[in-house]
Amino acid sequence: MKERQVFEDDLKKLQKIVEELASGKLTLQDSLKKYEEGVKLIQGCQAVLKEARRKVELLMKKEGKFTLQDLGEEDAENNDIA
């Protein structure tokens, strides 16, 4: 549950950063700091999503048995951030 809360908080922080950058009110230096912060948040979110995907793949049920199934490259491309 804590992992989900951190993920949700990071998404909210990312949204705020995007809004601040889009506002055009930040100095160049502040914009670069916000961008760097956003990149770090994205990397953290991607790690959480990758782990969640791995867990889903492990729990895929096939013919009454739990087996590891790849969700497919096409699905992975559609769900990547950045």
N, C-alpha and C. Protein backbone atom coordinates (compact mmCIF):
# COMPACT_ATOMS: atom_id res chain seq x y z
N MET A 1 0.83 -1.20 0.00
CA MET A 1 0.00 0.00 0.00
C MET A 1 0.87 1.26 0.00
N LYS A 2 1.96 1.23 0.75
CA LYS A 2 2.84 2.39 0.81
C LYS A 2 3.44 2.68 -0.56
N GLU A 3 3.80 1.62 -1.30
CA GLU A 3 4.35 1.79 -2.64
C GLU A 3 3.36 2.51 -3.54
N ARG A 4 2.09 2.15 -3.44
CA ARG A 4 1.05 2.80 -4.24
C ARG A 4 0.94 4.27 -3.88
N GLN A 5 0.98 4.57 -2.58
CA GLN A 5 0.87 5.96 -2.14
C GLN A 5 2.04 6.79 -2.66
N VAL A 6 3.23 6.23 -2.60
CA VAL A 6 4.40 6.93 -3.12
C VAL A 6 4.24 7.15 -4.62
N PHE A 7 3.79 6.14 -5.33
CA PHE A 7 3.57 6.25 -6.77
C PHE A 7 2.56 7.35 -7.07
N GLU A 8 1.45 7.34 -6.37
CA GLU A 8 0.41 8.35 -6.58
C GLU A 8 0.94 9.75 -6.25
N ASP A 9 1.68 9.88 -5.18
CA ASP A 9 2.28 11.17 -4.82
C ASP A 9 3.24 11.66 -5.89
N ASP A 10 4.05 10.74 -6.41
CA ASP A 10 5.01 11.10 -7.46
C ASP A 10 4.28 11.55 -8.73
N LEU A 11 3.17 10.91 -9.06
CA LEU A 11 2.40 11.33 -10.23
C LEU A 11 1.84 12.74 -10.03
N LYS A 12 1.37 13.03 -8.82
CA LYS A 12 0.87 14.38 -8.53
C LYS A 12 1.99 15.41 -8.64
N LYS A 13 3.17 15.06 -8.13
CA LYS A 13 4.32 15.96 -8.24
C LYS A 13 4.68 16.21 -9.70
N LEU A 14 4.64 15.14 -10.50
CA LEU A 14 4.93 15.28 -11.93
C LEU A 14 3.93 16.21 -12.61
N GLN A 15 2.67 16.06 -12.28
CA GLN A 15 1.64 16.91 -12.87
C GLN A 15 1.88 18.37 -12.50
N LYS A 16 2.25 18.62 -11.25
CA LYS A 16 2.53 19.99 -10.81
C LYS A 16 3.73 20.56 -11.57
N ILE A 17 4.77 19.75 -11.74
CA ILE A 17 5.96 20.20 -12.47
C ILE A 17 5.60 20.55 -13.91
N VAL A 18 4.81 19.71 -14.55
CA VAL A 18 4.39 19.97 -15.93
C VAL A 18 3.63 21.29 -16.01
N GLU A 19 2.73 21.51 -15.07
CA GLU A 19 1.96 22.75 -15.05
C GLU A 19 2.87 23.97 -14.85
N GLU A 20 3.85 23.84 -13.95
CA GLU A 20 4.78 24.94 -13.69
C GLU A 20 5.63 25.24 -14.93
N LEU A 21 6.12 24.18 -15.57
CA LEU A 21 6.92 24.37 -16.78
C LEU A 21 6.09 24.98 -17.90
N ALA A 22 4.85 24.55 -18.03
CA ALA A 22 3.99 25.05 -19.09
C ALA A 22 3.56 26.50 -18.86
N SER A 23 3.59 26.93 -17.61
CA SER A 23 3.15 28.29 -17.30
C SER A 23 4.07 29.35 -17.90
N GLY A 24 5.33 28.99 -18.09
CA GLY A 24 6.28 29.95 -18.64
C GLY A 24 6.73 31.00 -17.64
N LYS A 25 6.39 30.83 -16.38
CA LYS A 25 6.72 31.82 -15.35
C LYS A 25 8.04 31.53 -14.63
N LEU A 26 8.65 30.39 -14.92
CA LEU A 26 9.89 30.03 -14.24
C LEU A 26 11.09 30.59 -15.00
N THR A 27 12.14 30.88 -14.25
CA THR A 27 13.38 31.26 -14.90
C THR A 27 13.97 30.02 -15.56
N LEU A 28 14.94 30.25 -16.42
CA LEU A 28 15.59 29.12 -17.09
C LEU A 28 16.20 28.18 -16.06
N GLN A 29 16.88 28.73 -15.08
CA GLN A 29 17.51 27.90 -14.05
C GLN A 29 16.47 27.09 -13.27
N ASP A 30 15.37 27.73 -12.89
CA ASP A 30 14.32 27.02 -12.17
C ASP A 30 13.66 25.96 -13.07
N SER A 31 13.50 26.28 -14.35
CA SER A 31 12.93 25.32 -15.29
C SER A 31 13.82 24.08 -15.40
N LEU A 32 15.13 24.29 -15.46
CA LEU A 32 16.05 23.15 -15.54
C LEU A 32 16.00 22.31 -14.27
N LYS A 33 15.88 22.94 -13.12
CA LYS A 33 15.77 22.19 -11.86
C LYS A 33 14.49 21.37 -11.83
N LYS A 34 13.40 21.98 -12.25
CA LYS A 34 12.11 21.28 -12.28
C LYS A 34 12.16 20.11 -13.28
N TYR A 35 12.77 20.35 -14.42
CA TYR A 35 12.89 19.30 -15.43
C TYR A 35 13.69 18.12 -14.87
N GLU A 36 14.80 18.43 -14.22
CA GLU A 36 15.63 17.37 -13.63
C GLU A 36 14.85 16.60 -12.56
N GLU A 37 14.11 17.31 -11.74
CA GLU A 37 13.27 16.66 -10.72
C GLU A 37 12.24 15.76 -11.38
N GLY A 38 11.63 16.25 -12.47
CA GLY A 38 10.64 15.46 -13.18
C GLY A 38 11.22 14.19 -13.78
N VAL A 39 12.42 14.29 -14.33
CA VAL A 39 13.08 13.11 -14.90
C VAL A 39 13.31 12.06 -13.81
N LYS A 40 13.74 12.49 -12.64
CA LYS A 40 13.96 11.55 -11.54
C LYS A 40 12.65 10.90 -11.10
N LEU A 41 11.59 11.69 -11.03
CA LEU A 41 10.29 11.14 -10.66
C LEU A 41 9.80 10.13 -11.70
N ILE A 42 10.00 10.45 -12.98
CA ILE A 42 9.60 9.52 -14.04
C ILE A 42 10.36 8.21 -13.92
N GLN A 43 11.65 8.28 -13.66
CA GLN A 43 12.45 7.06 -13.52
C GLN A 43 11.94 6.22 -12.35
N GLY A 44 11.59 6.86 -11.25
CA GLY A 44 11.04 6.13 -10.11
C GLY A 44 9.70 5.49 -10.44
N CYS A 45 8.84 6.23 -11.14
CA CYS A 45 7.54 5.69 -11.53
C CYS A 45 7.69 4.53 -12.49
N GLN A 46 8.63 4.64 -13.42
CA GLN A 46 8.86 3.55 -14.36
C GLN A 46 9.32 2.30 -13.63
N ALA A 47 10.15 2.46 -12.61
CA ALA A 47 10.61 1.30 -11.84
C ALA A 47 9.44 0.62 -11.13
N VAL A 48 8.55 1.43 -10.55
CA VAL A 48 7.37 0.87 -9.87
C VAL A 48 6.47 0.15 -10.87
N LEU A 49 6.25 0.77 -12.03
CA LEU A 49 5.41 0.14 -13.05
C LEU A 49 6.04 -1.14 -13.59
N LYS A 50 7.35 -1.13 -13.75
CA LYS A 50 8.04 -2.34 -14.24
C LYS A 50 7.87 -3.48 -13.25
N GLU A 51 7.99 -3.18 -11.95
CA GLU A 51 7.82 -4.21 -10.93
C GLU A 51 6.37 -4.71 -10.91
N ALA A 52 5.42 -3.80 -11.05
CA ALA A 52 4.01 -4.19 -11.07
C ALA A 52 3.74 -5.08 -12.29
N ARG A 53 4.30 -4.72 -13.41
CA ARG A 53 4.14 -5.53 -14.63
C ARG A 53 4.71 -6.93 -14.42
N ARG A 54 5.88 -7.00 -13.79
CA ARG A 54 6.51 -8.29 -13.52
C ARG A 54 5.60 -9.15 -12.64
N LYS A 55 5.01 -8.53 -11.63
CA LYS A 55 4.10 -9.27 -10.75
C LYS A 55 2.87 -9.77 -11.50
N VAL A 56 2.32 -8.94 -12.38
CA VAL A 56 1.16 -9.35 -13.18
C VAL A 56 1.53 -10.52 -14.07
N GLU A 57 2.69 -10.42 -14.70
CA GLU A 57 3.13 -11.50 -15.58
C GLU A 57 3.28 -12.81 -14.79
N LEU A 58 3.78 -12.71 -13.57
CA LEU A 58 3.95 -13.91 -12.75
C LEU A 58 2.61 -14.51 -12.33
N LEU A 59 1.61 -13.68 -12.23
CA LEU A 59 0.32 -14.15 -11.73
C LEU A 59 -0.68 -14.52 -12.84
N MET A 60 -0.26 -14.39 -14.08
CA MET A 60 -1.16 -14.75 -15.17
C MET A 60 -1.52 -16.23 -15.05
N LYS A 61 -2.78 -16.51 -15.14
CA LYS A 61 -3.24 -17.88 -14.96
C LYS A 61 -3.57 -18.48 -16.33
N LYS A 62 -3.02 -19.66 -16.56
CA LYS A 62 -3.27 -20.34 -17.83
C LYS A 62 -3.58 -21.80 -17.54
N GLU A 63 -4.71 -22.27 -18.03
CA GLU A 63 -5.13 -23.67 -17.89
C GLU A 63 -5.07 -24.14 -16.44
N GLY A 64 -5.55 -23.30 -15.52
CA GLY A 64 -5.62 -23.68 -14.12
C GLY A 64 -4.31 -23.61 -13.38
N LYS A 65 -3.24 -23.25 -14.04
CA LYS A 65 -1.94 -23.15 -13.39
C LYS A 65 -1.39 -21.75 -13.58
N PHE A 66 -0.67 -21.29 -12.59
CA PHE A 66 -0.04 -19.99 -12.70
C PHE A 66 1.24 -20.15 -13.51
N THR A 67 1.35 -19.36 -14.55
CA THR A 67 2.53 -19.42 -15.40
C THR A 67 3.01 -18.02 -15.73
N LEU A 68 4.27 -17.92 -16.05
CA LEU A 68 4.85 -16.65 -16.47
C LEU A 68 4.47 -16.42 -17.92
N GLN A 69 3.83 -15.30 -18.18
CA GLN A 69 3.43 -14.96 -19.54
C GLN A 69 3.90 -13.56 -19.86
N ASP A 70 4.48 -13.40 -21.01
CA ASP A 70 4.88 -12.09 -21.49
C ASP A 70 3.63 -11.37 -21.97
N LEU A 71 3.45 -10.12 -21.56
CA LEU A 71 2.28 -9.37 -21.98
C LEU A 71 2.40 -8.87 -23.41
N GLY A 72 3.56 -9.05 -24.00
CA GLY A 72 3.75 -8.69 -25.40
C GLY A 72 4.45 -7.37 -25.57
N GLU A 73 5.28 -7.30 -26.59
CA GLU A 73 6.05 -6.09 -26.87
C GLU A 73 5.14 -4.91 -27.24
N GLU A 74 4.07 -5.19 -27.98
CA GLU A 74 3.16 -4.11 -28.38
C GLU A 74 2.54 -3.45 -27.17
N ASP A 75 2.09 -4.26 -26.19
CA ASP A 75 1.51 -3.72 -24.96
C ASP A 75 2.55 -2.92 -24.19
N ALA A 76 3.78 -3.40 -24.15
CA ALA A 76 4.85 -2.70 -23.43
C ALA A 76 5.11 -1.34 -24.03
N GLU A 77 5.11 -1.25 -25.35
CA GLU A 77 5.36 0.03 -26.02
C GLU A 77 4.24 1.01 -25.75
N ASN A 78 3.02 0.53 -25.65
CA ASN A 78 1.88 1.40 -25.41
C ASN A 78 1.80 1.89 -23.98
N ASN A 79 2.47 1.21 -23.04
CA ASN A 79 2.38 1.56 -21.64
C ASN A 79 3.62 2.25 -21.10
N ASP A 80 4.64 2.46 -21.91
CA ASP A 80 5.85 3.12 -21.45
C ASP A 80 5.60 4.60 -21.23
N ILE A 81 6.30 5.12 -20.21
CA ILE A 81 6.25 6.56 -19.94
C ILE A 81 7.48 7.18 -20.54
N ALA A 82 7.27 8.29 -21.18
CA ALA A 82 8.36 9.07 -21.81
C ALA A 82 9.07 8.32 -22.85
